[in-house]
Amino acid sequence: MPEGFEQFFKPKEIADLLAYLDSVSTPPRRFAGNRPALIQPDAAGALRLRSSNAEIHGDGIAFEARYQNIGAWRNANARVAWTVQLPAAASYDVWLHWACADDEAGDTFRFQLGNSDLTAKVPGTGSWDRFQSAKFGRLELPAGQHRAVFAADPALRGYLIDLLEVRLVPAGAAPPDFEPVAAGNPAR
């Protein structure tokens, strides 16, 4: 598409176009332990977008069995997606559970859901084996079924992230309690 085309569209129109292009593109890659599924709120109202439930699209990205994370992410065109069902409109705090070696940190990710999107730089966690969690922002989301997409924005210097989970927590709720992560991934 021509550079700058997005200035002529509303965010909802761009989201619809991306959803359409996603639906007619190549099917998601398959990995042992990775089974895409519809994501609905849990008892606390949170949405848990786990790597094991994501659709994985593109080359230069993999589902890593040892931690059950999405990693080896070295292609800026790769992305992961989830289908999310929201029973009502609400505000959600966006939390990530991730790892990133300090010398690879600093690339930017984009998380889009519905008409909302969030961009941020990936902070280092010390190593690819040290996972941590943090809040990255807040999104206002409408009711209905939506696509959530996590991707690099726009280019990568190295590896983007080892992503375990994106958790959408009702705004103002207590921080999520992420499960501890077991012993390390093979070196890159």
N, C-alpha and C. Protein backbone atom coordinates (compact mmCIF):
# COMPACT_ATOMS: atom_id res chain seq x y z
N MET A 1 0.84 -1.17 0.00
CA MET A 1 0.00 0.00 0.00
C MET A 1 0.89 1.24 0.00
N PRO A 2 0.42 2.29 -0.60
CA PRO A 2 1.23 3.50 -0.67
C PRO A 2 1.47 4.11 0.71
N GLU A 3 2.64 4.69 0.87
CA GLU A 3 2.98 5.34 2.13
C GLU A 3 2.02 6.50 2.39
N GLY A 4 1.57 6.60 3.65
CA GLY A 4 0.68 7.68 4.04
C GLY A 4 -0.79 7.43 3.79
N PHE A 5 -1.15 6.25 3.25
CA PHE A 5 -2.56 6.00 2.94
C PHE A 5 -3.45 6.08 4.19
N GLU A 6 -2.88 5.75 5.36
CA GLU A 6 -3.67 5.69 6.58
C GLU A 6 -4.24 7.05 6.99
N GLN A 7 -3.67 8.15 6.50
CA GLN A 7 -4.18 9.47 6.87
C GLN A 7 -5.57 9.73 6.31
N PHE A 8 -6.01 8.94 5.33
CA PHE A 8 -7.32 9.13 4.71
C PHE A 8 -8.40 8.26 5.34
N PHE A 9 -8.03 7.45 6.36
CA PHE A 9 -8.97 6.54 6.97
C PHE A 9 -9.11 6.80 8.46
N LYS A 10 -10.26 6.46 9.00
CA LYS A 10 -10.49 6.51 10.44
C LYS A 10 -9.88 5.25 11.05
N PRO A 11 -9.54 5.28 12.35
CA PRO A 11 -8.95 4.08 12.98
C PRO A 11 -9.80 2.82 12.81
N LYS A 12 -11.13 2.94 12.90
CA LYS A 12 -12.01 1.78 12.74
C LYS A 12 -11.89 1.21 11.33
N GLU A 13 -11.79 2.08 10.33
CA GLU A 13 -11.65 1.62 8.94
C GLU A 13 -10.33 0.90 8.73
N ILE A 14 -9.27 1.41 9.35
CA ILE A 14 -7.97 0.73 9.25
C ILE A 14 -8.03 -0.62 9.95
N ALA A 15 -8.67 -0.67 11.13
CA ALA A 15 -8.81 -1.94 11.86
C ALA A 15 -9.60 -2.95 11.03
N ASP A 16 -10.67 -2.48 10.38
CA ASP A 16 -11.46 -3.38 9.52
C ASP A 16 -10.64 -3.88 8.35
N LEU A 17 -9.86 -3.00 7.73
CA LEU A 17 -9.00 -3.40 6.60
C LEU A 17 -7.97 -4.43 7.05
N LEU A 18 -7.33 -4.18 8.20
CA LEU A 18 -6.34 -5.14 8.70
C LEU A 18 -6.98 -6.48 9.04
N ALA A 19 -8.17 -6.45 9.62
CA ALA A 19 -8.87 -7.71 9.93
C ALA A 19 -9.18 -8.47 8.65
N TYR A 20 -9.61 -7.75 7.62
CA TYR A 20 -9.90 -8.40 6.34
C TYR A 20 -8.63 -9.00 5.74
N LEU A 21 -7.57 -8.21 5.69
CA LEU A 21 -6.32 -8.71 5.12
C LEU A 21 -5.81 -9.92 5.91
N ASP A 22 -5.97 -9.87 7.23
CA ASP A 22 -5.57 -10.99 8.07
C ASP A 22 -6.39 -12.23 7.74
N SER A 23 -7.67 -12.05 7.46
CA SER A 23 -8.55 -13.20 7.20
C SER A 23 -8.26 -13.86 5.86
N VAL A 24 -7.72 -13.12 4.89
CA VAL A 24 -7.46 -13.70 3.57
C VAL A 24 -5.98 -14.03 3.38
N SER A 25 -5.16 -13.76 4.39
CA SER A 25 -3.73 -14.06 4.28
C SER A 25 -3.49 -15.54 4.56
N THR A 26 -2.25 -15.90 4.54
CA THR A 26 -1.89 -17.30 4.79
C THR A 26 -2.35 -17.71 6.19
N PRO A 27 -2.67 -18.98 6.37
CA PRO A 27 -3.13 -19.44 7.68
C PRO A 27 -2.00 -19.34 8.71
N PRO A 28 -2.37 -19.33 9.99
CA PRO A 28 -1.34 -19.26 11.03
C PRO A 28 -0.43 -20.48 10.98
N ARG A 29 0.79 -20.30 11.45
CA ARG A 29 1.74 -21.41 11.54
C ARG A 29 1.32 -22.31 12.70
N ARG A 30 1.68 -23.56 12.61
CA ARG A 30 1.33 -24.53 13.65
C ARG A 30 2.58 -24.96 14.40
N PHE A 31 2.46 -25.01 15.72
CA PHE A 31 3.54 -25.44 16.59
C PHE A 31 2.95 -26.36 17.66
N ALA A 32 3.71 -27.36 18.07
CA ALA A 32 3.28 -28.23 19.16
C ALA A 32 3.09 -27.37 20.41
N GLY A 33 1.98 -27.55 21.12
CA GLY A 33 1.70 -26.81 22.34
C GLY A 33 0.99 -25.49 22.12
N ASN A 34 0.80 -25.09 20.87
CA ASN A 34 0.14 -23.82 20.54
C ASN A 34 -1.20 -24.14 19.89
N ARG A 35 -2.29 -23.72 20.55
CA ARG A 35 -3.63 -23.96 20.04
C ARG A 35 -4.45 -22.68 20.14
N PRO A 36 -4.60 -21.97 19.02
CA PRO A 36 -5.41 -20.75 19.05
C PRO A 36 -6.82 -21.03 19.56
N ALA A 37 -7.36 -20.08 20.33
CA ALA A 37 -8.69 -20.24 20.91
C ALA A 37 -9.33 -18.87 21.11
N LEU A 38 -10.66 -18.85 21.14
CA LEU A 38 -11.40 -17.63 21.44
C LEU A 38 -11.12 -17.23 22.88
N ILE A 39 -10.81 -15.96 23.10
CA ILE A 39 -10.50 -15.45 24.45
C ILE A 39 -11.71 -14.70 24.98
N GLN A 40 -12.17 -15.12 26.16
CA GLN A 40 -13.28 -14.47 26.85
C GLN A 40 -12.83 -14.08 28.25
N PRO A 41 -13.50 -13.10 28.86
CA PRO A 41 -13.09 -12.69 30.21
C PRO A 41 -13.19 -13.83 31.21
N ASP A 42 -12.24 -13.85 32.17
CA ASP A 42 -12.29 -14.83 33.25
C ASP A 42 -13.23 -14.32 34.34
N ALA A 43 -13.28 -15.00 35.46
CA ALA A 43 -14.21 -14.63 36.55
C ALA A 43 -13.96 -13.21 37.08
N ALA A 44 -12.71 -12.74 36.99
CA ALA A 44 -12.38 -11.40 37.46
C ALA A 44 -12.56 -10.33 36.37
N GLY A 45 -12.99 -10.77 35.18
CA GLY A 45 -13.19 -9.84 34.08
C GLY A 45 -11.96 -9.59 33.23
N ALA A 46 -10.85 -10.27 33.53
CA ALA A 46 -9.61 -10.10 32.78
C ALA A 46 -9.59 -10.98 31.54
N LEU A 47 -8.87 -10.53 30.54
CA LEU A 47 -8.66 -11.29 29.31
C LEU A 47 -7.21 -11.74 29.29
N ARG A 48 -6.99 -13.05 29.22
CA ARG A 48 -5.63 -13.61 29.23
C ARG A 48 -5.26 -14.06 27.82
N LEU A 49 -4.46 -13.27 27.16
CA LEU A 49 -4.01 -13.57 25.81
C LEU A 49 -2.66 -14.27 25.92
N ARG A 50 -2.73 -15.58 26.10
CA ARG A 50 -1.53 -16.38 26.29
C ARG A 50 -0.90 -16.72 24.94
N SER A 51 0.39 -16.88 24.95
CA SER A 51 1.10 -17.27 23.74
C SER A 51 0.62 -18.62 23.24
N SER A 52 0.26 -19.50 24.15
CA SER A 52 -0.20 -20.84 23.75
C SER A 52 -1.55 -20.79 23.04
N ASN A 53 -2.28 -19.66 23.13
CA ASN A 53 -3.58 -19.52 22.47
C ASN A 53 -3.56 -18.55 21.29
N ALA A 54 -2.38 -18.09 20.91
CA ALA A 54 -2.26 -17.10 19.83
C ALA A 54 -2.14 -17.75 18.47
N GLU A 55 -2.60 -17.04 17.46
CA GLU A 55 -2.29 -17.39 16.08
C GLU A 55 -0.93 -16.77 15.78
N ILE A 56 -0.04 -17.53 15.20
CA ILE A 56 1.31 -17.05 14.91
C ILE A 56 1.45 -16.94 13.40
N HIS A 57 1.73 -15.72 12.91
CA HIS A 57 1.81 -15.45 11.49
C HIS A 57 3.20 -14.96 11.11
N GLY A 58 3.74 -15.50 10.02
CA GLY A 58 4.99 -15.02 9.45
C GLY A 58 6.18 -15.89 9.78
N ASP A 59 7.26 -15.58 9.10
CA ASP A 59 8.53 -16.26 9.34
C ASP A 59 9.31 -15.47 10.38
N GLY A 60 10.38 -16.06 10.90
CA GLY A 60 11.20 -15.36 11.87
C GLY A 60 10.51 -15.16 13.19
N ILE A 61 9.69 -16.12 13.57
CA ILE A 61 8.96 -16.10 14.84
C ILE A 61 8.62 -17.55 15.15
N ALA A 62 8.58 -17.91 16.44
CA ALA A 62 8.30 -19.31 16.79
C ALA A 62 7.61 -19.39 18.15
N PHE A 63 6.93 -20.50 18.35
CA PHE A 63 6.40 -20.84 19.67
C PHE A 63 7.47 -21.70 20.31
N GLU A 64 8.04 -21.23 21.41
CA GLU A 64 9.13 -21.94 22.07
C GLU A 64 8.56 -22.80 23.19
N ALA A 65 8.72 -24.12 23.04
CA ALA A 65 8.08 -25.09 23.93
C ALA A 65 8.55 -24.99 25.38
N ARG A 66 9.82 -24.68 25.59
CA ARG A 66 10.34 -24.72 26.95
C ARG A 66 9.59 -23.80 27.90
N TYR A 67 9.34 -22.57 27.50
CA TYR A 67 8.61 -21.61 28.33
C TYR A 67 7.16 -21.41 27.88
N GLN A 68 6.79 -22.01 26.76
CA GLN A 68 5.46 -21.79 26.19
C GLN A 68 5.28 -20.33 25.79
N ASN A 69 6.34 -19.72 25.25
CA ASN A 69 6.31 -18.32 24.86
C ASN A 69 6.48 -18.18 23.35
N ILE A 70 6.19 -17.00 22.86
CA ILE A 70 6.47 -16.67 21.46
C ILE A 70 7.79 -15.93 21.46
N GLY A 71 8.74 -16.45 20.69
CA GLY A 71 10.07 -15.86 20.69
C GLY A 71 10.78 -16.07 19.37
N ALA A 72 12.11 -16.00 19.42
CA ALA A 72 12.95 -16.04 18.21
C ALA A 72 12.39 -15.06 17.18
N TRP A 73 11.84 -13.94 17.66
CA TRP A 73 11.09 -12.97 16.88
C TRP A 73 12.06 -11.98 16.24
N ARG A 74 12.45 -12.26 15.01
CA ARG A 74 13.44 -11.43 14.33
C ARG A 74 12.93 -10.84 13.02
N ASN A 75 11.64 -11.06 12.72
CA ASN A 75 11.05 -10.56 11.48
C ASN A 75 10.02 -9.49 11.82
N ALA A 76 10.23 -8.28 11.29
CA ALA A 76 9.31 -7.17 11.59
C ALA A 76 7.92 -7.39 11.02
N ASN A 77 7.77 -8.29 10.05
CA ASN A 77 6.45 -8.57 9.47
C ASN A 77 5.71 -9.68 10.18
N ALA A 78 6.35 -10.35 11.12
CA ALA A 78 5.68 -11.41 11.88
C ALA A 78 4.73 -10.77 12.88
N ARG A 79 3.70 -11.52 13.27
CA ARG A 79 2.74 -11.02 14.24
C ARG A 79 2.02 -12.18 14.91
N VAL A 80 1.42 -11.89 16.04
CA VAL A 80 0.55 -12.86 16.70
C VAL A 80 -0.81 -12.21 16.86
N ALA A 81 -1.85 -13.04 16.87
CA ALA A 81 -3.22 -12.51 16.95
C ALA A 81 -4.09 -13.44 17.79
N TRP A 82 -5.07 -12.84 18.41
CA TRP A 82 -6.08 -13.56 19.18
C TRP A 82 -7.44 -13.03 18.77
N THR A 83 -8.46 -13.86 18.85
CA THR A 83 -9.85 -13.41 18.70
C THR A 83 -10.40 -13.27 20.11
N VAL A 84 -10.94 -12.07 20.40
CA VAL A 84 -11.38 -11.72 21.74
C VAL A 84 -12.87 -11.40 21.71
N GLN A 85 -13.61 -11.93 22.67
CA GLN A 85 -15.04 -11.64 22.81
C GLN A 85 -15.26 -10.82 24.07
N LEU A 86 -15.78 -9.60 23.88
CA LEU A 86 -16.05 -8.71 25.01
C LEU A 86 -17.56 -8.56 25.18
N PRO A 87 -18.12 -8.93 26.34
CA PRO A 87 -19.56 -8.83 26.54
C PRO A 87 -20.05 -7.40 26.69
N ALA A 88 -19.18 -6.49 27.12
CA ALA A 88 -19.58 -5.09 27.31
C ALA A 88 -18.37 -4.19 27.09
N ALA A 89 -18.62 -2.96 26.73
CA ALA A 89 -17.53 -1.99 26.59
C ALA A 89 -16.90 -1.75 27.95
N ALA A 90 -15.57 -1.56 27.96
CA ALA A 90 -14.88 -1.33 29.23
C ALA A 90 -13.48 -0.79 28.97
N SER A 91 -12.88 -0.26 30.03
CA SER A 91 -11.48 0.17 30.00
C SER A 91 -10.63 -0.94 30.59
N TYR A 92 -9.50 -1.22 29.93
CA TYR A 92 -8.61 -2.28 30.38
C TYR A 92 -7.18 -1.75 30.48
N ASP A 93 -6.49 -2.14 31.56
CA ASP A 93 -5.06 -1.90 31.66
C ASP A 93 -4.36 -3.04 30.93
N VAL A 94 -3.34 -2.69 30.15
CA VAL A 94 -2.62 -3.68 29.34
C VAL A 94 -1.32 -4.05 30.06
N TRP A 95 -1.21 -5.32 30.43
CA TRP A 95 -0.03 -5.86 31.11
C TRP A 95 0.66 -6.86 30.19
N LEU A 96 1.98 -6.86 30.20
CA LEU A 96 2.75 -7.87 29.48
C LEU A 96 3.54 -8.69 30.47
N HIS A 97 3.76 -9.96 30.12
CA HIS A 97 4.67 -10.86 30.83
C HIS A 97 5.66 -11.30 29.77
N TRP A 98 6.93 -10.86 29.88
CA TRP A 98 7.90 -11.01 28.81
C TRP A 98 9.31 -11.13 29.35
N ALA A 99 10.22 -11.47 28.42
CA ALA A 99 11.66 -11.44 28.68
C ALA A 99 12.33 -10.81 27.47
N CYS A 100 13.46 -10.15 27.72
CA CYS A 100 14.25 -9.56 26.63
C CYS A 100 15.65 -9.28 27.17
N ALA A 101 16.65 -9.80 26.48
CA ALA A 101 18.03 -9.51 26.88
C ALA A 101 18.27 -8.01 26.79
N ASP A 102 19.02 -7.48 27.73
CA ASP A 102 19.26 -6.03 27.76
C ASP A 102 19.89 -5.51 26.47
N ASP A 103 20.79 -6.29 25.86
CA ASP A 103 21.45 -5.82 24.64
C ASP A 103 20.55 -5.88 23.41
N GLU A 104 19.36 -6.46 23.51
CA GLU A 104 18.39 -6.51 22.41
C GLU A 104 17.21 -5.57 22.67
N ALA A 105 17.11 -5.01 23.86
CA ALA A 105 15.95 -4.20 24.25
C ALA A 105 15.88 -2.91 23.44
N GLY A 106 14.69 -2.34 23.39
CA GLY A 106 14.50 -1.03 22.79
C GLY A 106 13.71 -1.00 21.50
N ASP A 107 13.44 -2.15 20.89
CA ASP A 107 12.57 -2.15 19.72
C ASP A 107 11.15 -1.85 20.17
N THR A 108 10.33 -1.37 19.24
CA THR A 108 8.97 -0.96 19.56
C THR A 108 7.97 -2.03 19.13
N PHE A 109 6.97 -2.27 19.99
CA PHE A 109 5.87 -3.15 19.62
C PHE A 109 4.61 -2.32 19.48
N ARG A 110 3.64 -2.88 18.75
CA ARG A 110 2.31 -2.28 18.62
C ARG A 110 1.29 -3.36 18.99
N PHE A 111 0.38 -3.01 19.89
CA PHE A 111 -0.71 -3.90 20.27
C PHE A 111 -2.00 -3.22 19.86
N GLN A 112 -2.78 -3.87 18.99
CA GLN A 112 -4.03 -3.30 18.49
C GLN A 112 -5.19 -4.22 18.87
N LEU A 113 -6.27 -3.60 19.33
CA LEU A 113 -7.48 -4.35 19.65
C LEU A 113 -8.66 -3.41 19.41
N GLY A 114 -9.58 -3.85 18.56
CA GLY A 114 -10.71 -2.98 18.22
C GLY A 114 -10.20 -1.72 17.56
N ASN A 115 -10.70 -0.57 17.98
CA ASN A 115 -10.26 0.72 17.45
C ASN A 115 -9.07 1.29 18.20
N SER A 116 -8.58 0.57 19.18
CA SER A 116 -7.52 1.09 20.05
C SER A 116 -6.18 0.46 19.72
N ASP A 117 -5.14 1.23 19.93
CA ASP A 117 -3.81 0.64 19.83
C ASP A 117 -2.87 1.28 20.82
N LEU A 118 -1.81 0.56 21.09
CA LEU A 118 -0.82 0.95 22.07
C LEU A 118 0.54 0.63 21.49
N THR A 119 1.46 1.57 21.56
CA THR A 119 2.84 1.30 21.15
C THR A 119 3.75 1.62 22.32
N ALA A 120 4.82 0.83 22.43
CA ALA A 120 5.80 1.05 23.50
C ALA A 120 7.10 0.34 23.13
N LYS A 121 8.17 0.75 23.76
CA LYS A 121 9.45 0.09 23.57
C LYS A 121 9.53 -1.10 24.51
N VAL A 122 10.18 -2.17 24.04
CA VAL A 122 10.36 -3.37 24.85
C VAL A 122 11.55 -3.15 25.79
N PRO A 123 11.31 -3.10 27.10
CA PRO A 123 12.41 -2.95 28.05
C PRO A 123 13.17 -4.26 28.22
N GLY A 124 14.43 -4.14 28.57
CA GLY A 124 15.22 -5.33 28.89
C GLY A 124 14.84 -5.87 30.26
N THR A 125 14.96 -7.18 30.40
CA THR A 125 14.68 -7.83 31.69
C THR A 125 15.95 -8.47 32.27
N GLY A 126 17.09 -8.24 31.62
CA GLY A 126 18.34 -8.83 32.08
C GLY A 126 18.82 -9.94 31.17
N SER A 127 17.89 -10.83 30.79
CA SER A 127 18.25 -11.95 29.89
C SER A 127 16.97 -12.54 29.30
N TRP A 128 17.15 -13.44 28.34
CA TRP A 128 16.01 -14.12 27.72
C TRP A 128 15.37 -15.11 28.70
N ASP A 129 16.05 -15.40 29.79
CA ASP A 129 15.54 -16.36 30.78
C ASP A 129 14.89 -15.69 31.98
N ARG A 130 14.86 -14.38 32.02
CA ARG A 130 14.29 -13.65 33.16
C ARG A 130 13.02 -12.94 32.71
N PHE A 131 11.89 -13.50 33.08
CA PHE A 131 10.59 -12.93 32.70
C PHE A 131 10.12 -11.99 33.80
N GLN A 132 9.47 -10.91 33.38
CA GLN A 132 8.86 -9.99 34.33
C GLN A 132 7.55 -9.48 33.74
N SER A 133 6.81 -8.76 34.55
CA SER A 133 5.54 -8.20 34.09
C SER A 133 5.47 -6.73 34.43
N ALA A 134 4.74 -5.99 33.59
CA ALA A 134 4.55 -4.56 33.82
C ALA A 134 3.33 -4.09 33.03
N LYS A 135 2.77 -2.99 33.52
CA LYS A 135 1.64 -2.34 32.83
C LYS A 135 2.20 -1.39 31.78
N PHE A 136 1.62 -1.42 30.57
CA PHE A 136 2.09 -0.60 29.47
C PHE A 136 1.09 0.46 29.03
N GLY A 137 -0.11 0.46 29.57
CA GLY A 137 -1.07 1.48 29.17
C GLY A 137 -2.49 1.03 29.42
N ARG A 138 -3.42 1.79 28.86
CA ARG A 138 -4.85 1.52 29.04
C ARG A 138 -5.54 1.68 27.70
N LEU A 139 -6.50 0.78 27.44
CA LEU A 139 -7.30 0.83 26.21
C LEU A 139 -8.77 0.88 26.56
N GLU A 140 -9.52 1.64 25.76
CA GLU A 140 -10.98 1.68 25.85
C GLU A 140 -11.49 0.74 24.76
N LEU A 141 -12.24 -0.29 25.15
CA LEU A 141 -12.65 -1.30 24.20
C LEU A 141 -14.17 -1.43 24.13
N PRO A 142 -14.70 -1.52 22.91
CA PRO A 142 -16.15 -1.70 22.74
C PRO A 142 -16.55 -3.17 22.92
N ALA A 143 -17.82 -3.39 23.14
CA ALA A 143 -18.34 -4.75 23.21
C ALA A 143 -18.25 -5.41 21.85
N GLY A 144 -18.22 -6.74 21.83
CA GLY A 144 -18.24 -7.48 20.58
C GLY A 144 -17.00 -8.33 20.39
N GLN A 145 -16.92 -8.95 19.23
CA GLN A 145 -15.77 -9.80 18.90
C GLN A 145 -14.75 -8.97 18.13
N HIS A 146 -13.49 -9.08 18.54
CA HIS A 146 -12.43 -8.28 17.95
C HIS A 146 -11.18 -9.13 17.74
N ARG A 147 -10.29 -8.60 16.90
CA ARG A 147 -8.96 -9.19 16.73
C ARG A 147 -7.98 -8.37 17.55
N ALA A 148 -7.17 -9.04 18.32
CA ALA A 148 -6.06 -8.41 19.03
C ALA A 148 -4.79 -8.83 18.30
N VAL A 149 -3.95 -7.86 17.95
CA VAL A 149 -2.74 -8.15 17.19
C VAL A 149 -1.55 -7.52 17.90
N PHE A 150 -0.50 -8.31 18.08
CA PHE A 150 0.76 -7.86 18.67
C PHE A 150 1.83 -8.02 17.60
N ALA A 151 2.54 -6.92 17.28
CA ALA A 151 3.52 -6.96 16.20
C ALA A 151 4.65 -5.97 16.48
N ALA A 152 5.74 -6.09 15.72
CA ALA A 152 6.83 -5.12 15.78
C ALA A 152 6.38 -3.86 15.07
N ASP A 153 6.93 -2.72 15.51
CA ASP A 153 6.55 -1.44 14.90
C ASP A 153 7.76 -0.53 14.82
N PRO A 154 8.29 -0.22 13.71
CA PRO A 154 8.11 -0.74 12.37
C PRO A 154 9.21 -1.73 11.95
N ALA A 155 10.39 -1.62 12.53
CA ALA A 155 11.51 -2.48 12.12
C ALA A 155 12.23 -2.99 13.36
N LEU A 156 13.05 -4.00 13.17
CA LEU A 156 13.78 -4.60 14.29
C LEU A 156 15.28 -4.49 14.08
N ARG A 157 15.98 -4.25 15.19
CA ARG A 157 17.44 -4.27 15.16
C ARG A 157 17.95 -5.66 15.42
N GLY A 158 17.19 -6.44 16.15
CA GLY A 158 17.57 -7.81 16.52
C GLY A 158 16.32 -8.60 16.81
N TYR A 159 16.27 -9.24 17.96
CA TYR A 159 15.07 -9.96 18.38
C TYR A 159 14.15 -9.01 19.13
N LEU A 160 12.83 -9.16 18.93
CA LEU A 160 11.86 -8.25 19.54
C LEU A 160 11.60 -8.56 21.01
N ILE A 161 11.15 -9.80 21.31
CA ILE A 161 10.63 -10.10 22.65
C ILE A 161 10.41 -11.60 22.76
N ASP A 162 10.46 -12.12 23.98
CA ASP A 162 9.93 -13.44 24.30
C ASP A 162 8.64 -13.16 25.07
N LEU A 163 7.51 -13.35 24.42
CA LEU A 163 6.21 -12.97 24.97
C LEU A 163 5.48 -14.18 25.52
N LEU A 164 5.17 -14.13 26.81
CA LEU A 164 4.38 -15.19 27.44
C LEU A 164 2.89 -14.86 27.39
N GLU A 165 2.55 -13.62 27.71
CA GLU A 165 1.13 -13.29 27.84
C GLU A 165 0.92 -11.79 27.76
N VAL A 166 -0.20 -11.41 27.16
CA VAL A 166 -0.74 -10.06 27.27
C VAL A 166 -2.00 -10.24 28.12
N ARG A 167 -2.09 -9.49 29.19
CA ARG A 167 -3.28 -9.60 30.03
C ARG A 167 -3.98 -8.24 30.09
N LEU A 168 -5.26 -8.27 29.78
CA LEU A 168 -6.09 -7.07 29.84
C LEU A 168 -6.90 -7.16 31.13
N VAL A 169 -6.63 -6.24 32.03
CA VAL A 169 -7.23 -6.25 33.36
C VAL A 169 -8.18 -5.06 33.45
N PRO A 170 -9.41 -5.25 33.97
CA PRO A 170 -10.31 -4.11 34.11
C PRO A 170 -9.59 -2.93 34.78
N ALA A 171 -9.75 -1.74 34.21
CA ALA A 171 -9.06 -0.55 34.69
C ALA A 171 -9.24 -0.37 36.19
N GLY A 172 -8.15 -0.13 36.88
CA GLY A 172 -8.19 0.11 38.31
C GLY A 172 -8.16 -1.13 39.17
N ALA A 173 -8.26 -2.32 38.56
CA ALA A 173 -8.22 -3.57 39.34
C ALA A 173 -6.80 -3.81 39.84
N ALA A 174 -6.67 -4.72 40.77
CA ALA A 174 -5.35 -5.07 41.31
C ALA A 174 -4.46 -5.61 40.19
N PRO A 175 -3.13 -5.42 40.29
CA PRO A 175 -2.23 -5.97 39.28
C PRO A 175 -2.39 -7.49 39.20
N PRO A 176 -2.23 -8.03 38.00
CA PRO A 176 -2.38 -9.48 37.84
C PRO A 176 -1.24 -10.24 38.50
N ASP A 177 -1.53 -11.46 38.86
CA ASP A 177 -0.54 -12.35 39.45
C ASP A 177 -0.12 -13.34 38.37
N PHE A 178 1.05 -13.12 37.77
CA PHE A 178 1.54 -14.01 36.71
C PHE A 178 2.24 -15.20 37.33
N GLU A 179 2.10 -16.36 36.68
CA GLU A 179 2.75 -17.57 37.16
C GLU A 179 4.26 -17.46 37.00
N PRO A 180 5.02 -18.05 37.95
CA PRO A 180 6.48 -18.06 37.80
C PRO A 180 6.88 -18.86 36.56
N VAL A 181 8.05 -18.56 36.04
CA VAL A 181 8.54 -19.21 34.82
C VAL A 181 9.67 -20.15 35.19
N ALA A 182 9.66 -21.35 34.58
CA ALA A 182 10.66 -22.38 34.86
C ALA A 182 11.98 -22.09 34.15
N ALA A 183 12.94 -22.99 34.31
CA ALA A 183 14.33 -22.84 33.82
C ALA A 183 14.45 -22.53 32.34
N GLY A 184 15.62 -22.02 31.95
CA GLY A 184 15.92 -21.31 30.71
C GLY A 184 15.78 -21.91 29.35
N ASN A 185 15.62 -21.02 28.38
CA ASN A 185 15.62 -21.33 26.95
C ASN A 185 17.04 -21.58 26.48
N PRO A 186 17.19 -22.34 25.41
CA PRO A 186 18.51 -22.44 24.81
C PRO A 186 18.98 -21.06 24.35
N ALA A 187 20.27 -20.86 24.33
CA ALA A 187 20.83 -19.57 23.89
C ALA A 187 20.48 -19.30 22.43
N ARG A 188 20.35 -18.05 22.09
CA ARG A 188 20.04 -17.66 20.71
C ARG A 188 21.28 -17.70 19.88
